[in-house]
Amino acid sequence: MSNTNHLALSEVGKVLHKAKSGRLIIKIDENVSINHNTLLFNSSGKNIGLLNELIGPVKSPYASIILKDDKFNPISGNKIYKSNSKIQYHSNSKKIKKRKSRDK
């Protein structure tokens, strides 16, 4: 597959919809191995976001994707891809710590 970023991409799944939370929900194809924090791309090779979590049954999961651009307007049925190269995402953002509830 040829694309502008010269990445070797493999199909991960198809767009279902954009949730009210702003996250993209996709249906993962059968026999696809994918992990948390995987960078995802559209068919043009443009990075669209980061896999946040897998949802549903292990044999037929869905995924929630944090979009890189909030204005991204997905079309249901469009294919989503991951890179076959060893790209790793390292977040420099601060993690939110949950407060422990105090016993009264």
PDB file of N, CA and C in Angstrom:
ATOM      1  N   MET A   1       0.841  -1.184   0.000  1.00  0.00           N
ATOM      2  CA  MET A   1       0.000   0.000   0.000  1.00  0.00           C
ATOM      3  C   MET A   1       0.879   1.237   0.000  1.00  0.00           C
ATOM      4  N   SER A   2       0.580   2.171  -0.837  1.00  0.00           N
ATOM      5  CA  SER A   2       1.358   3.403  -0.916  1.00  0.00           C
ATOM      6  C   SER A   2       0.651   4.512  -0.159  1.00  0.00           C
ATOM      7  N   ASN A   3       1.418   5.270   0.638  1.00  0.00           N
ATOM      8  CA  ASN A   3       0.831   6.408   1.337  1.00  0.00           C
ATOM      9  C   ASN A   3       1.886   7.477   1.530  1.00  0.00           C
ATOM     10  N   THR A   4       1.446   8.647   1.980  1.00  0.00           N
ATOM     11  CA  THR A   4       2.345   9.790   2.077  1.00  0.00           C
ATOM     12  C   THR A   4       3.400   9.641   3.158  1.00  0.00           C
ATOM     13  N   ASN A   5       3.152   8.844   4.167  1.00  0.00           N
ATOM     14  CA  ASN A   5       4.099   8.716   5.267  1.00  0.00           C
ATOM     15  C   ASN A   5       5.072   7.561   5.073  1.00  0.00           C
ATOM     16  N   HIS A   6       4.943   6.801   3.998  1.00  0.00           N
ATOM     17  CA  HIS A   6       5.812   5.664   3.695  1.00  0.00           C
ATOM     18  C   HIS A   6       5.823   4.630   4.818  1.00  0.00           C
ATOM     19  N   LEU A   7       4.685   4.431   5.445  1.00  0.00           N
ATOM     20  CA  LEU A   7       4.555   3.425   6.487  1.00  0.00           C
ATOM     21  C   LEU A   7       3.938   2.166   5.888  1.00  0.00           C
ATOM     22  N   ALA A   8       4.362   1.020   6.370  1.00  0.00           N
ATOM     23  CA  ALA A   8       3.710  -0.228   5.995  1.00  0.00           C
ATOM     24  C   ALA A   8       2.532  -0.393   6.950  1.00  0.00           C
ATOM     25  N   LEU A   9       1.320  -0.337   6.411  1.00  0.00           N
ATOM     26  CA  LEU A   9       0.126  -0.376   7.242  1.00  0.00           C
ATOM     27  C   LEU A   9      -0.630  -1.681   7.060  1.00  0.00           C
ATOM     28  N   SER A  10      -1.292  -2.103   8.133  1.00  0.00           N
ATOM     29  CA  SER A  10      -2.180  -3.260   8.033  1.00  0.00           C
ATOM     30  C   SER A  10      -3.526  -2.882   8.639  1.00  0.00           C
ATOM     31  N   GLU A  11      -4.571  -3.419   8.034  1.00  0.00           N
ATOM     32  CA  GLU A  11      -5.935  -3.076   8.462  1.00  0.00           C
ATOM     33  C   GLU A  11      -6.217  -3.614   9.859  1.00  0.00           C
ATOM     34  N   VAL A  12      -6.878  -2.762  10.649  1.00  0.00           N
ATOM     35  CA  VAL A  12      -7.240  -3.115  12.021  1.00  0.00           C
ATOM     36  C   VAL A  12      -8.738  -3.366  12.128  1.00  0.00           C
ATOM     37  N   GLY A  13      -9.520  -2.495  11.494  1.00  0.00           N
ATOM     38  CA  GLY A  13     -10.968  -2.614  11.594  1.00  0.00           C
ATOM     39  C   GLY A  13     -11.670  -1.511  10.830  1.00  0.00           C
ATOM     40  N   LYS A  14     -12.963  -1.328  11.173  1.00  0.00           N
ATOM     41  CA  LYS A  14     -13.783  -0.341  10.475  1.00  0.00           C
ATOM     42  C   LYS A  14     -14.463   0.599  11.471  1.00  0.00           C
ATOM     43  N   VAL A  15     -14.648   1.833  11.041  1.00  0.00           N
ATOM     44  CA  VAL A  15     -15.296   2.860  11.852  1.00  0.00           C
ATOM     45  C   VAL A  15     -16.767   2.502  12.063  1.00  0.00           C
ATOM     46  N   LEU A  16     -17.207   2.604  13.316  1.00  0.00           N
ATOM     47  CA  LEU A  16     -18.635   2.478  13.620  1.00  0.00           C
ATOM     48  C   LEU A  16     -19.249   3.862  13.758  1.00  0.00           C
ATOM     49  N   HIS A  17     -18.709   4.654  14.709  1.00  0.00           N
ATOM     50  CA  HIS A  17     -19.229   6.005  14.926  1.00  0.00           C
ATOM     51  C   HIS A  17     -18.321   6.794  15.867  1.00  0.00           C
ATOM     52  N   LYS A  18     -18.606   8.067  15.974  1.00  0.00           N
ATOM     53  CA  LYS A  18     -17.915   8.926  16.934  1.00  0.00           C
ATOM     54  C   LYS A  18     -18.851   9.073  18.134  1.00  0.00           C
ATOM     55  N   ALA A  19     -18.363   8.711  19.301  1.00  0.00           N
ATOM     56  CA  ALA A  19     -19.171   8.760  20.520  1.00  0.00           C
ATOM     57  C   ALA A  19     -19.354  10.205  20.997  1.00  0.00           C
ATOM     58  N   LYS A  20     -20.330  10.418  21.874  1.00  0.00           N
ATOM     59  CA  LYS A  20     -20.563  11.749  22.435  1.00  0.00           C
ATOM     60  C   LYS A  20     -19.343  12.260  23.187  1.00  0.00           C
ATOM     61  N   SER A  21     -18.526  11.346  23.682  1.00  0.00           N
ATOM     62  CA  SER A  21     -17.307  11.711  24.407  1.00  0.00           C
ATOM     63  C   SER A  21     -16.242  12.272  23.458  1.00  0.00           C
ATOM     64  N   GLY A  22     -16.465  12.114  22.139  1.00  0.00           N
ATOM     65  CA  GLY A  22     -15.488  12.567  21.156  1.00  0.00           C
ATOM     66  C   GLY A  22     -14.554  11.470  20.699  1.00  0.00           C
ATOM     67  N   ARG A  23     -14.671  10.307  21.306  1.00  0.00           N
ATOM     68  CA  ARG A  23     -13.809   9.187  20.917  1.00  0.00           C
ATOM     69  C   ARG A  23     -14.407   8.453  19.729  1.00  0.00           C
ATOM     70  N   LEU A  24     -13.530   7.883  18.924  1.00  0.00           N
ATOM     71  CA  LEU A  24     -13.942   7.112  17.767  1.00  0.00           C
ATOM     72  C   LEU A  24     -14.102   5.658  18.195  1.00  0.00           C
ATOM     73  N   ILE A  25     -15.211   5.036  17.808  1.00  0.00           N
ATOM     74  CA  ILE A  25     -15.452   3.635  18.126  1.00  0.00           C
ATOM     75  C   ILE A  25     -15.314   2.834  16.829  1.00  0.00           C
ATOM     76  N   ILE A  26     -14.455   1.814  16.881  1.00  0.00           N
ATOM     77  CA  ILE A  26     -14.267   0.959  15.711  1.00  0.00           C
ATOM     78  C   ILE A  26     -14.498  -0.497  16.080  1.00  0.00           C
ATOM     79  N   LYS A  27     -14.838  -1.297  15.083  1.00  0.00           N
ATOM     80  CA  LYS A  27     -14.971  -2.739  15.239  1.00  0.00           C
ATOM     81  C   LYS A  27     -13.666  -3.347  14.757  1.00  0.00           C
ATOM     82  N   ILE A  28     -12.993  -4.083  15.632  1.00  0.00           N
ATOM     83  CA  ILE A  28     -11.723  -4.720  15.297  1.00  0.00           C
ATOM     84  C   ILE A  28     -12.004  -5.971  14.454  1.00  0.00           C
ATOM     85  N   ASP A  29     -11.247  -6.136  13.367  1.00  0.00           N
ATOM     86  CA  ASP A  29     -11.384  -7.320  12.512  1.00  0.00           C
ATOM     87  C   ASP A  29     -10.923  -8.575  13.253  1.00  0.00           C
ATOM     88  N   GLU A  30     -11.417  -9.724  12.791  1.00  0.00           N
ATOM     89  CA  GLU A  30     -11.010 -11.003  13.379  1.00  0.00           C
ATOM     90  C   GLU A  30      -9.521 -11.239  13.173  1.00  0.00           C
ATOM     91  N   ASN A  31      -8.910 -11.887  14.126  1.00  0.00           N
ATOM     92  CA  ASN A  31      -7.490 -12.283  14.077  1.00  0.00           C
ATOM     93  C   ASN A  31      -6.527 -11.104  13.984  1.00  0.00           C
ATOM     94  N   VAL A  32      -6.930  -9.938  14.475  1.00  0.00           N
ATOM     95  CA  VAL A  32      -6.040  -8.780  14.514  1.00  0.00           C
ATOM     96  C   VAL A  32      -5.511  -8.633  15.929  1.00  0.00           C
ATOM     97  N   SER A  33      -4.201  -8.517  16.045  1.00  0.00           N
ATOM     98  CA  SER A  33      -3.570  -8.301  17.341  1.00  0.00           C
ATOM     99  C   SER A  33      -3.254  -6.814  17.466  1.00  0.00           C
ATOM    100  N   ILE A  34      -3.773  -6.204  18.511  1.00  0.00           N
ATOM    101  CA  ILE A  34      -3.574  -4.770  18.717  1.00  0.00           C
ATOM    102  C   ILE A  34      -3.500  -4.494  20.206  1.00  0.00           C
ATOM    103  N   ASN A  35      -2.697  -3.508  20.576  1.00  0.00           N
ATOM    104  CA  ASN A  35      -2.473  -3.201  21.985  1.00  0.00           C
ATOM    105  C   ASN A  35      -2.864  -1.770  22.321  1.00  0.00           C
ATOM    106  N   HIS A  36      -3.009  -1.521  23.597  1.00  0.00           N
ATOM    107  CA  HIS A  36      -3.248  -0.190  24.146  1.00  0.00           C
ATOM    108  C   HIS A  36      -2.138   0.746  23.667  1.00  0.00           C
ATOM    109  N   ASN A  37      -2.469   1.991  23.383  1.00  0.00           N
ATOM    110  CA  ASN A  37      -1.532   3.031  22.929  1.00  0.00           C
ATOM    111  C   ASN A  37      -0.979   2.813  21.525  1.00  0.00           C
ATOM    112  N   THR A  38      -1.643   2.002  20.710  1.00  0.00           N
ATOM    113  CA  THR A  38      -1.234   1.824  19.321  1.00  0.00           C
ATOM    114  C   THR A  38      -1.678   3.045  18.516  1.00  0.00           C
ATOM    115  N   LEU A  39      -0.771   3.592  17.699  1.00  0.00           N
ATOM    116  CA  LEU A  39      -1.123   4.696  16.815  1.00  0.00           C
ATOM    117  C   LEU A  39      -1.927   4.144  15.650  1.00  0.00           C
ATOM    118  N   LEU A  40      -3.007   4.851  15.291  1.00  0.00           N
ATOM    119  CA  LEU A  40      -3.873   4.400  14.206  1.00  0.00           C
ATOM    120  C   LEU A  40      -3.932   5.433  13.088  1.00  0.00           C
ATOM    121  N   PHE A  41      -4.186   4.940  11.877  1.00  0.00           N
ATOM    122  CA  PHE A  41      -4.107   5.761  10.670  1.00  0.00           C
ATOM    123  C   PHE A  41      -5.329   5.550   9.793  1.00  0.00           C
ATOM    124  N   ASN A  42      -5.608   6.549   8.922  1.00  0.00           N
ATOM    125  CA  ASN A  42      -6.656   6.382   7.925  1.00  0.00           C
ATOM    126  C   ASN A  42      -6.042   5.763   6.671  1.00  0.00           C
ATOM    127  N   SER A  43      -6.838   5.603   5.623  1.00  0.00           N
ATOM    128  CA  SER A  43      -6.347   4.949   4.403  1.00  0.00           C
ATOM    129  C   SER A  43      -5.289   5.765   3.665  1.00  0.00           C
ATOM    130  N   SER A  44      -5.170   7.066   3.987  1.00  0.00           N
ATOM    131  CA  SER A  44      -4.146   7.916   3.377  1.00  0.00           C
ATOM    132  C   SER A  44      -2.832   7.877   4.138  1.00  0.00           C
ATOM    133  N   GLY A  45      -2.800   7.166   5.255  1.00  0.00           N
ATOM    134  CA  GLY A  45      -1.593   7.090   6.068  1.00  0.00           C
ATOM    135  C   GLY A  45      -1.476   8.210   7.078  1.00  0.00           C
ATOM    136  N   LYS A  46      -2.552   8.982   7.260  1.00  0.00           N
ATOM    137  CA  LYS A  46      -2.535  10.084   8.231  1.00  0.00           C
ATOM    138  C   LYS A  46      -2.872   9.550   9.617  1.00  0.00           C
ATOM    139  N   ASN A  47      -2.054   9.918  10.607  1.00  0.00           N
ATOM    140  CA  ASN A  47      -2.291   9.509  11.986  1.00  0.00           C
ATOM    141  C   ASN A  47      -3.586  10.156  12.458  1.00  0.00           C
ATOM    142  N   ILE A  48      -4.567   9.336  12.846  1.00  0.00           N
ATOM    143  CA  ILE A  48      -5.838   9.884  13.308  1.00  0.00           C
ATOM    144  C   ILE A  48      -5.991   9.825  14.819  1.00  0.00           C
ATOM    145  N   GLY A  49      -5.227   8.951  15.484  1.00  0.00           N
ATOM    146  CA  GLY A  49      -5.369   8.878  16.927  1.00  0.00           C
ATOM    147  C   GLY A  49      -4.653   7.702  17.559  1.00  0.00           C
ATOM    148  N   LEU A  50      -5.026   7.464  18.796  1.00  0.00           N
ATOM    149  CA  LEU A  50      -4.362   6.499  19.656  1.00  0.00           C
ATOM    150  C   LEU A  50      -5.390   5.563  20.276  1.00  0.00           C
ATOM    151  N   LEU A  51      -5.150   4.256  20.195  1.00  0.00           N
ATOM    152  CA  LEU A  51      -6.074   3.294  20.797  1.00  0.00           C
ATOM    153  C   LEU A  51      -6.049   3.472  22.311  1.00  0.00           C
ATOM    154  N   ASN A  52      -7.200   3.757  22.877  1.00  0.00           N
ATOM    155  CA  ASN A  52      -7.306   3.989  24.312  1.00  0.00           C
ATOM    156  C   ASN A  52      -7.665   2.716  25.064  1.00  0.00           C
ATOM    157  N   GLU A  53      -8.692   2.004  24.568  1.00  0.00           N
ATOM    158  CA  GLU A  53      -9.078   0.774  25.253  1.00  0.00           C
ATOM    159  C   GLU A  53      -9.832  -0.158  24.328  1.00  0.00           C
ATOM    160  N   LEU A  54      -9.744  -1.441  24.639  1.00  0.00           N
ATOM    161  CA  LEU A  54     -10.516  -2.455  23.933  1.00  0.00           C
ATOM    162  C   LEU A  54     -11.772  -2.723  24.736  1.00  0.00           C
ATOM    163  N   ILE A  55     -12.880  -2.899  24.033  1.00  0.00           N
ATOM    164  CA  ILE A  55     -14.190  -3.051  24.674  1.00  0.00           C
ATOM    165  C   ILE A  55     -14.862  -4.308  24.133  1.00  0.00           C
ATOM    166  N   GLY A  56     -15.590  -5.002  24.990  1.00  0.00           N
ATOM    167  CA  GLY A  56     -16.393  -6.122  24.530  1.00  0.00           C
ATOM    168  C   GLY A  56     -15.681  -7.445  24.625  1.00  0.00           C
ATOM    169  N   PRO A  57     -16.243  -8.457  23.945  1.00  0.00           N
ATOM    170  CA  PRO A  57     -15.687  -9.809  24.042  1.00  0.00           C
ATOM    171  C   PRO A  57     -14.300  -9.915  23.411  1.00  0.00           C
ATOM    172  N   VAL A  58     -13.470 -10.758  23.978  1.00  0.00           N
ATOM    173  CA  VAL A  58     -12.094 -10.937  23.516  1.00  0.00           C
ATOM    174  C   VAL A  58     -12.049 -11.407  22.061  1.00  0.00           C
ATOM    175  N   LYS A  59     -12.948 -12.285  21.676  1.00  0.00           N
ATOM    176  CA  LYS A  59     -12.942 -12.838  20.321  1.00  0.00           C
ATOM    177  C   LYS A  59     -13.476 -11.858  19.272  1.00  0.00           C
ATOM    178  N   SER A  60     -14.214 -10.843  19.703  1.00  0.00           N
ATOM    179  CA  SER A  60     -14.803  -9.895  18.756  1.00  0.00           C
ATOM    180  C   SER A  60     -14.847  -8.494  19.383  1.00  0.00           C
ATOM    181  N   PRO A  61     -13.663  -7.893  19.623  1.00  0.00           N
ATOM    182  CA  PRO A  61     -13.626  -6.624  20.357  1.00  0.00           C
ATOM    183  C   PRO A  61     -13.931  -5.384  19.512  1.00  0.00           C
ATOM    184  N   TYR A  62     -14.242  -4.335  20.228  1.00  0.00           N
ATOM    185  CA  TYR A  62     -14.375  -2.996  19.686  1.00  0.00           C
ATOM    186  C   TYR A  62     -13.245  -2.187  20.315  1.00  0.00           C
ATOM    187  N   ALA A  63     -12.970  -1.014  19.779  1.00  0.00           N
ATOM    188  CA  ALA A  63     -11.919  -0.181  20.353  1.00  0.00           C
ATOM    189  C   ALA A  63     -12.396   1.257  20.456  1.00  0.00           C
ATOM    190  N   SER A  64     -11.925   1.922  21.497  1.00  0.00           N
ATOM    191  CA  SER A  64     -12.149   3.344  21.712  1.00  0.00           C
ATOM    192  C   SER A  64     -10.844   4.051  21.376  1.00  0.00           C
ATOM    193  N   ILE A  65     -10.925   5.048  20.489  1.00  0.00           N
ATOM    194  CA  ILE A  65      -9.738   5.743  20.013  1.00  0.00           C
ATOM    195  C   ILE A  65      -9.802   7.211  20.401  1.00  0.00           C
ATOM    196  N   ILE A  66      -8.728   7.704  21.019  1.00  0.00           N
ATOM    197  CA  ILE A  66      -8.610   9.130  21.311  1.00  0.00           C
ATOM    198  C   ILE A  66      -8.120   9.787  20.025  1.00  0.00           C
ATOM    199  N   LEU A  67      -8.954  10.655  19.472  1.00  0.00           N
ATOM    200  CA  LEU A  67      -8.625  11.292  18.197  1.00  0.00           C
ATOM    201  C   LEU A  67      -7.585  12.380  18.360  1.00  0.00           C
ATOM    202  N   LYS A  68      -6.705  12.481  17.396  1.00  0.00           N
ATOM    203  CA  LYS A  68      -5.665  13.506  17.372  1.00  0.00           C
ATOM    204  C   LYS A  68      -6.286  14.873  17.088  1.00  0.00           C
ATOM    205  N   ASP A  69      -7.334  14.891  16.263  1.00  0.00           N
ATOM    206  CA  ASP A  69      -8.012  16.119  15.882  1.00  0.00           C
ATOM    207  C   ASP A  69      -9.498  15.981  16.208  1.00  0.00           C
ATOM    208  N   ASP A  70      -9.989  16.810  17.121  1.00  0.00           N
ATOM    209  CA  ASP A  70     -11.400  16.752  17.529  1.00  0.00           C
ATOM    210  C   ASP A  70     -12.348  17.010  16.363  1.00  0.00           C
ATOM    211  N   LYS A  71     -11.870  17.681  15.331  1.00  0.00           N
ATOM    212  CA  LYS A  71     -12.714  18.009  14.188  1.00  0.00           C
ATOM    213  C   LYS A  71     -12.785  16.877  13.165  1.00  0.00           C
ATOM    214  N   PHE A  72     -12.055  15.791  13.420  1.00  0.00           N
ATOM    215  CA  PHE A  72     -12.073  14.642  12.515  1.00  0.00           C
ATOM    216  C   PHE A  72     -13.503  14.133  12.395  1.00  0.00           C
ATOM    217  N   ASN A  73     -13.997  14.028  11.167  1.00  0.00           N
ATOM    218  CA  ASN A  73     -15.359  13.584  10.918  1.00  0.00           C
ATOM    219  C   ASN A  73     -15.325  12.207  10.258  1.00  0.00           C
ATOM    220  N   PRO A  74     -15.465  11.144  11.054  1.00  0.00           N
ATOM    221  CA  PRO A  74     -15.345   9.795  10.507  1.00  0.00           C
ATOM    222  C   PRO A  74     -16.569   9.405   9.680  1.00  0.00           C
ATOM    223  N   ILE A  75     -16.357   8.520   8.735  1.00  0.00           N
ATOM    224  CA  ILE A  75     -17.444   7.974   7.935  1.00  0.00           C
ATOM    225  C   ILE A  75     -17.566   6.501   8.288  1.00  0.00           C
ATOM    226  N   SER A  76     -18.761   6.105   8.703  1.00  0.00           N
ATOM    227  CA  SER A  76     -19.011   4.728   9.089  1.00  0.00           C
ATOM    228  C   SER A  76     -18.598   3.780   7.966  1.00  0.00           C
ATOM    229  N   GLY A  77     -17.848   2.748   8.331  1.00  0.00           N
ATOM    230  CA  GLY A  77     -17.396   1.760   7.365  1.00  0.00           C
ATOM    231  C   GLY A  77     -15.994   1.997   6.831  1.00  0.00           C
ATOM    232  N   ASN A  78     -15.449   3.214   7.030  1.00  0.00           N
ATOM    233  CA  ASN A  78     -14.075   3.481   6.585  1.00  0.00           C
ATOM    234  C   ASN A  78     -13.101   2.589   7.347  1.00  0.00           C
ATOM    235  N   LYS A  79     -12.049   2.164   6.661  1.00  0.00           N
ATOM    236  CA  LYS A  79     -11.068   1.278   7.269  1.00  0.00           C
ATOM    237  C   LYS A  79     -10.054   2.068   8.089  1.00  0.00           C
ATOM    238  N   ILE A  80      -9.599   1.445   9.170  1.00  0.00           N
ATOM    239  CA  ILE A  80      -8.587   2.010  10.057  1.00  0.00           C
ATOM    240  C   ILE A  80      -7.393   1.058  10.052  1.00  0.00           C
ATOM    241  N   TYR A  81      -6.190   1.642  10.109  1.00  0.00           N
ATOM    242  CA  TYR A  81      -4.955   0.874   9.981  1.00  0.00           C
ATOM    243  C   TYR A  81      -3.997   1.136  11.140  1.00  0.00           C
ATOM    244  N   LYS A  82      -3.069   0.188  11.331  1.00  0.00           N
ATOM    245  CA  LYS A  82      -1.956   0.380  12.255  1.00  0.00           C
ATOM    246  C   LYS A  82      -0.671   0.205  11.467  1.00  0.00           C
ATOM    247  N   SER A  83       0.406   0.741  11.993  1.00  0.00           N
ATOM    248  CA  SER A  83       1.708   0.605  11.345  1.00  0.00           C
ATOM    249  C   SER A  83       2.298  -0.750  11.675  1.00  0.00           C
ATOM    250  N   ASN A  84       2.974  -1.336  10.705  1.00  0.00           N
ATOM    251  CA  ASN A  84       3.673  -2.601  10.938  1.00  0.00           C
ATOM    252  C   ASN A  84       5.064  -2.369  11.510  1.00  0.00           C
ATOM    253  N   SER A  85       5.532  -1.116  11.482  1.00  0.00           N
ATOM    254  CA  SER A  85       6.844  -0.810  12.051  1.00  0.00           C
ATOM    255  C   SER A  85       6.703  -0.605  13.556  1.00  0.00           C
ATOM    256  N   LYS A  86       7.816  -0.581  14.229  1.00  0.00           N
ATOM    257  CA  LYS A  86       7.827  -0.506  15.688  1.00  0.00           C
ATOM    258  C   LYS A  86       7.730   0.939  16.185  1.00  0.00           C
ATOM    259  N   ILE A  87       6.568   1.558  15.972  1.00  0.00           N
ATOM    260  CA  ILE A  87       6.340   2.911  16.484  1.00  0.00           C
ATOM    261  C   ILE A  87       5.812   2.767  17.905  1.00  0.00           C
ATOM    262  N   GLN A  88       6.397   3.520  18.802  1.00  0.00           N
ATOM    263  CA  GLN A  88       5.927   3.502  20.177  1.00  0.00           C
ATOM    264  C   GLN A  88       5.487   4.896  20.569  1.00  0.00           C
ATOM    265  N   TYR A  89       4.443   4.952  21.364  1.00  0.00           N
ATOM    266  CA  TYR A  89       3.923   6.224  21.828  1.00  0.00           C
ATOM    267  C   TYR A  89       4.342   6.399  23.281  1.00  0.00           C
ATOM    268  N   HIS A  90       4.965   7.516  23.553  1.00  0.00           N
ATOM    269  CA  HIS A  90       5.348   7.845  24.922  1.00  0.00           C
ATOM    270  C   HIS A  90       4.684   9.160  25.279  1.00  0.00           C
ATOM    271  N   SER A  91       3.842   9.109  26.273  1.00  0.00           N
ATOM    272  CA  SER A  91       3.122  10.310  26.671  1.00  0.00           C
ATOM    273  C   SER A  91       3.955  11.120  27.643  1.00  0.00           C
ATOM    274  N   ASN A  92       4.068  12.407  27.361  1.00  0.00           N
ATOM    275  CA  ASN A  92       4.740  13.314  28.279  1.00  0.00           C
ATOM    276  C   ASN A  92       3.738  14.027  29.173  1.00  0.00           C
ATOM    277  N   SER A  93       2.459  13.721  28.961  1.00  0.00           N
ATOM    278  CA  SER A  93       1.435  14.397  29.751  1.00  0.00           C
ATOM    279  C   SER A  93       1.386  13.814  31.155  1.00  0.00           C
ATOM    280  N   LYS A  94       0.942  14.643  32.078  1.00  0.00           N
ATOM    281  CA  LYS A  94       0.852  14.219  33.471  1.00  0.00           C
ATOM    282  C   LYS A  94      -0.331  13.280  33.636  1.00  0.00           C
ATOM    283  N   LYS A  95      -0.133  12.259  34.422  1.00  0.00           N
ATOM    284  CA  LYS A  95      -1.221  11.340  34.700  1.00  0.00           C
ATOM    285  C   LYS A  95      -2.089  11.927  35.803  1.00  0.00           C
ATOM    286  N   ILE A  96      -3.382  11.710  35.683  1.00  0.00           N
ATOM    287  CA  ILE A  96      -4.315  12.202  36.697  1.00  0.00           C
ATOM    288  C   ILE A  96      -4.387  11.170  37.804  1.00  0.00           C
ATOM    289  N   LYS A  97      -4.134  11.627  39.003  1.00  0.00           N
ATOM    290  CA  LYS A  97      -4.183  10.728  40.150  1.00  0.00           C
ATOM    291  C   LYS A  97      -5.556  10.833  40.796  1.00  0.00           C
ATOM    292  N   LYS A  98      -6.128   9.679  41.107  1.00  0.00           N
ATOM    293  CA  LYS A  98      -7.420   9.669  41.784  1.00  0.00           C
ATOM    294  C   LYS A  98      -7.181   9.864  43.274  1.00  0.00           C
ATOM    295  N   ARG A  99      -8.049  10.646  43.861  1.00  0.00           N
ATOM    296  CA  ARG A  99      -7.955  10.839  45.314  1.00  0.00           C
ATOM    297  C   ARG A  99      -8.531   9.640  46.029  1.00  0.00           C
ATOM    298  N   LYS A 100      -7.899   9.284  47.108  1.00  0.00           N
ATOM    299  CA  LYS A 100      -8.429   8.224  47.939  1.00  0.00           C
ATOM    300  C   LYS A 100      -9.511   8.817  48.834  1.00  0.00           C
ATOM    301  N   SER A 101     -10.616   8.118  48.953  1.00  0.00           N
ATOM    302  CA  SER A 101     -11.660   8.638  49.830  1.00  0.00           C
ATOM    303  C   SER A 101     -11.213   8.448  51.273  1.00  0.00           C
ATOM    304  N   ARG A 102     -11.465   9.451  52.056  1.00  0.00           N
ATOM    305  CA  ARG A 102     -11.062   9.391  53.474  1.00  0.00           C
ATOM    306  C   ARG A 102     -12.179   8.768  54.292  1.00  0.00           C
ATOM    307  N   ASP A 103     -11.769   7.893  55.185  1.00  0.00           N
ATOM    308  CA  ASP A 103     -12.741   7.282  56.095  1.00  0.00           C
ATOM    309  C   ASP A 103     -13.149   8.305  57.135  1.00  0.00           C
ATOM    310  N   LYS A 104     -14.433   8.337  57.433  1.00  0.00           N
ATOM    311  CA  LYS A 104     -14.937   9.291  58.438  1.00  0.00           C
ATOM    312  C   LYS A 104     -15.115   8.631  59.765  1.00  0.00           C
TER     313      LYS A 104
END
